[in-house]
Amino acid sequence: MLECNIDARGQAARLIAGIGALSFGLVLAIFTMFGVLPSTIGWIVVAGSVFGGAFAIFEARAGWCVVRAMGFKTRL
């Protein structure tokens, strides 16, 4: 089903990017809870960041990249 299409460097890059996106989402959630960001847009951005980070971590663990699966070439 999900055929491995990235090497160890690509997996490491996606894992680091995923952890960074999840961390960024957590910081944005705190800012939104304390009213620094407007709640409507803040929670949408938090959800996008958390979903994107979780998906990047999934790609790293699976060794599979959706962009490469669509036929695009990536550096990593």
N, C-alpha and C. Protein backbone atom coordinates (compact mmCIF):
# COMPACT_ATOMS: atom_id res chain seq x y z
N MET A 1 0.82 -1.18 0.00
CA MET A 1 0.00 0.00 0.00
C MET A 1 0.87 1.26 0.00
N LEU A 2 1.55 1.57 1.10
CA LEU A 2 2.45 2.72 1.15
C LEU A 2 3.87 2.21 0.94
N GLU A 3 4.35 2.36 -0.26
CA GLU A 3 5.68 1.89 -0.61
C GLU A 3 6.73 2.92 -0.18
N CYS A 4 7.78 2.46 0.46
CA CYS A 4 8.83 3.36 0.94
C CYS A 4 9.45 4.11 -0.24
N ASN A 5 9.42 5.45 -0.18
CA ASN A 5 9.96 6.23 -1.28
C ASN A 5 10.88 7.36 -0.81
N ILE A 6 11.30 7.34 0.47
CA ILE A 6 12.27 8.31 0.96
C ILE A 6 13.34 7.59 1.76
N ASP A 7 14.53 8.17 1.77
CA ASP A 7 15.64 7.55 2.50
C ASP A 7 15.69 8.07 3.94
N ALA A 8 16.72 7.69 4.67
CA ALA A 8 16.85 8.06 6.08
C ALA A 8 16.97 9.57 6.26
N ARG A 9 17.65 10.26 5.35
CA ARG A 9 17.75 11.72 5.45
C ARG A 9 16.39 12.37 5.30
N GLY A 10 15.59 11.90 4.37
CA GLY A 10 14.25 12.44 4.17
C GLY A 10 13.35 12.16 5.37
N GLN A 11 13.50 10.97 5.93
CA GLN A 11 12.71 10.63 7.11
C GLN A 11 13.07 11.54 8.29
N ALA A 12 14.37 11.77 8.48
CA ALA A 12 14.82 12.63 9.58
C ALA A 12 14.32 14.06 9.38
N ALA A 13 14.38 14.55 8.15
CA ALA A 13 13.91 15.91 7.86
C ALA A 13 12.42 16.05 8.13
N ARG A 14 11.65 15.05 7.74
CA ARG A 14 10.21 15.11 7.96
C ARG A 14 9.87 14.99 9.45
N LEU A 15 10.63 14.18 10.18
CA LEU A 15 10.40 14.05 11.61
C LEU A 15 10.68 15.37 12.33
N ILE A 16 11.79 16.01 11.99
CA ILE A 16 12.13 17.30 12.60
C ILE A 16 11.09 18.36 12.24
N ALA A 17 10.67 18.39 10.98
CA ALA A 17 9.65 19.36 10.56
C ALA A 17 8.32 19.09 11.28
N GLY A 18 7.97 17.83 11.45
CA GLY A 18 6.73 17.49 12.14
C GLY A 18 6.74 17.88 13.60
N ILE A 19 7.85 17.63 14.27
CA ILE A 19 7.97 18.02 15.67
C ILE A 19 7.93 19.55 15.80
N GLY A 20 8.58 20.24 14.87
CA GLY A 20 8.56 21.70 14.87
C GLY A 20 7.15 22.25 14.66
N ALA A 21 6.40 21.64 13.74
CA ALA A 21 5.03 22.10 13.48
C ALA A 21 4.13 21.83 14.68
N LEU A 22 4.29 20.69 15.33
CA LEU A 22 3.50 20.41 16.53
C LEU A 22 3.84 21.39 17.65
N SER A 23 5.11 21.70 17.81
CA SER A 23 5.52 22.67 18.83
C SER A 23 4.96 24.05 18.53
N PHE A 24 5.02 24.45 17.28
CA PHE A 24 4.47 25.73 16.85
C PHE A 24 2.96 25.77 17.12
N GLY A 25 2.27 24.66 16.84
CA GLY A 25 0.84 24.58 17.11
C GLY A 25 0.53 24.73 18.59
N LEU A 26 1.37 24.15 19.44
CA LEU A 26 1.18 24.27 20.88
C LEU A 26 1.34 25.72 21.34
N VAL A 27 2.36 26.39 20.83
CA VAL A 27 2.58 27.81 21.17
C VAL A 27 1.39 28.65 20.68
N LEU A 28 0.92 28.39 19.47
CA LEU A 28 -0.23 29.13 18.96
C LEU A 28 -1.48 28.86 19.79
N ALA A 29 -1.64 27.63 20.25
CA ALA A 29 -2.79 27.30 21.09
C ALA A 29 -2.75 28.09 22.39
N ILE A 30 -1.58 28.20 22.98
CA ILE A 30 -1.44 28.98 24.21
C ILE A 30 -1.76 30.46 23.95
N PHE A 31 -1.23 31.00 22.85
CA PHE A 31 -1.53 32.39 22.50
C PHE A 31 -3.02 32.60 22.27
N THR A 32 -3.66 31.62 21.64
CA THR A 32 -5.09 31.74 21.37
C THR A 32 -5.91 31.65 22.66
N MET A 33 -5.51 30.76 23.55
CA MET A 33 -6.23 30.62 24.82
C MET A 33 -6.16 31.90 25.66
N PHE A 34 -5.03 32.59 25.62
CA PHE A 34 -4.87 33.80 26.41
C PHE A 34 -5.32 35.06 25.67
N GLY A 35 -5.89 34.91 24.49
CA GLY A 35 -6.47 36.04 23.78
C GLY A 35 -5.49 36.88 22.99
N VAL A 36 -4.26 36.42 22.83
CA VAL A 36 -3.29 37.16 22.02
C VAL A 36 -3.69 37.10 20.55
N LEU A 37 -4.18 35.94 20.12
CA LEU A 37 -4.68 35.77 18.76
C LEU A 37 -6.20 35.69 18.79
N PRO A 38 -6.87 36.19 17.76
CA PRO A 38 -8.33 36.05 17.71
C PRO A 38 -8.71 34.57 17.70
N SER A 39 -9.75 34.22 18.41
CA SER A 39 -10.06 32.79 18.60
C SER A 39 -10.42 32.08 17.31
N THR A 40 -11.17 32.69 16.43
CA THR A 40 -11.59 32.00 15.21
C THR A 40 -10.40 31.62 14.35
N ILE A 41 -9.61 32.58 13.99
CA ILE A 41 -8.46 32.30 13.12
C ILE A 41 -7.39 31.54 13.88
N GLY A 42 -7.23 31.81 15.15
CA GLY A 42 -6.21 31.13 15.94
C GLY A 42 -6.41 29.63 15.98
N TRP A 43 -7.63 29.18 16.25
CA TRP A 43 -7.87 27.74 16.34
C TRP A 43 -7.77 27.06 14.98
N ILE A 44 -8.10 27.78 13.92
CA ILE A 44 -7.94 27.20 12.57
C ILE A 44 -6.46 26.98 12.26
N VAL A 45 -5.64 27.97 12.60
CA VAL A 45 -4.20 27.85 12.36
C VAL A 45 -3.60 26.76 13.26
N VAL A 46 -4.06 26.67 14.50
CA VAL A 46 -3.59 25.62 15.41
C VAL A 46 -3.93 24.25 14.83
N ALA A 47 -5.15 24.07 14.37
CA ALA A 47 -5.56 22.79 13.80
C ALA A 47 -4.72 22.43 12.57
N GLY A 48 -4.48 23.40 11.71
CA GLY A 48 -3.66 23.15 10.53
C GLY A 48 -2.23 22.77 10.88
N SER A 49 -1.67 23.46 11.85
CA SER A 49 -0.30 23.18 12.27
C SER A 49 -0.19 21.80 12.91
N VAL A 50 -1.14 21.47 13.77
CA VAL A 50 -1.10 20.16 14.43
C VAL A 50 -1.33 19.04 13.42
N PHE A 51 -2.30 19.21 12.53
CA PHE A 51 -2.55 18.19 11.51
C PHE A 51 -1.35 18.02 10.60
N GLY A 52 -0.77 19.12 10.14
CA GLY A 52 0.40 19.05 9.26
C GLY A 52 1.59 18.40 9.95
N GLY A 53 1.82 18.75 11.21
CA GLY A 53 2.92 18.16 11.96
C GLY A 53 2.72 16.67 12.18
N ALA A 54 1.50 16.29 12.52
CA ALA A 54 1.21 14.87 12.73
C ALA A 54 1.37 14.09 11.43
N PHE A 55 0.96 14.68 10.32
CA PHE A 55 1.11 14.00 9.03
C PHE A 55 2.58 13.87 8.64
N ALA A 56 3.38 14.89 8.91
CA ALA A 56 4.82 14.81 8.62
C ALA A 56 5.48 13.73 9.46
N ILE A 57 5.08 13.60 10.72
CA ILE A 57 5.62 12.53 11.57
C ILE A 57 5.19 11.17 11.04
N PHE A 58 3.95 11.06 10.58
CA PHE A 58 3.48 9.81 9.97
C PHE A 58 4.32 9.47 8.74
N GLU A 59 4.59 10.46 7.90
CA GLU A 59 5.41 10.22 6.71
C GLU A 59 6.81 9.74 7.10
N ALA A 60 7.38 10.33 8.14
CA ALA A 60 8.71 9.93 8.59
C ALA A 60 8.71 8.50 9.08
N ARG A 61 7.70 8.13 9.86
CA ARG A 61 7.64 6.77 10.41
C ARG A 61 7.38 5.73 9.31
N ALA A 62 6.54 6.10 8.34
CA ALA A 62 6.19 5.16 7.27
C ALA A 62 7.26 5.10 6.18
N GLY A 63 8.13 6.12 6.10
CA GLY A 63 9.12 6.17 5.03
C GLY A 63 8.48 6.50 3.69
N TRP A 64 7.38 7.19 3.73
CA TRP A 64 6.59 7.48 2.54
C TRP A 64 6.29 8.96 2.48
N CYS A 65 6.39 9.54 1.30
CA CYS A 65 6.12 10.97 1.11
C CYS A 65 5.01 11.12 0.08
N VAL A 66 3.96 11.85 0.44
CA VAL A 66 2.83 12.02 -0.46
C VAL A 66 3.22 12.81 -1.71
N VAL A 67 4.11 13.78 -1.56
CA VAL A 67 4.53 14.58 -2.72
C VAL A 67 5.30 13.71 -3.71
N ARG A 68 6.18 12.87 -3.21
CA ARG A 68 6.91 11.95 -4.09
C ARG A 68 5.98 10.91 -4.72
N ALA A 69 4.98 10.49 -3.97
CA ALA A 69 4.02 9.52 -4.49
C ALA A 69 3.22 10.09 -5.65
N MET A 70 3.07 11.43 -5.68
CA MET A 70 2.36 12.07 -6.80
C MET A 70 3.26 12.29 -8.01
N GLY A 71 4.55 11.94 -7.90
CA GLY A 71 5.45 12.03 -9.03
C GLY A 71 6.39 13.21 -9.02
N PHE A 72 6.33 14.07 -8.03
CA PHE A 72 7.24 15.20 -7.94
C PHE A 72 8.56 14.76 -7.32
N LYS A 73 9.65 15.35 -7.75
CA LYS A 73 10.95 15.06 -7.18
C LYS A 73 11.25 16.06 -6.07
N THR A 74 11.72 15.58 -4.94
CA THR A 74 12.11 16.44 -3.83
C THR A 74 13.59 16.26 -3.57
N ARG A 75 14.20 17.24 -2.92
CA ARG A 75 15.63 17.15 -2.63
C ARG A 75 15.94 16.07 -1.61
N LEU A 76 15.09 15.92 -0.61
CA LEU A 76 15.33 14.92 0.44
C LEU A 76 14.42 13.74 0.28
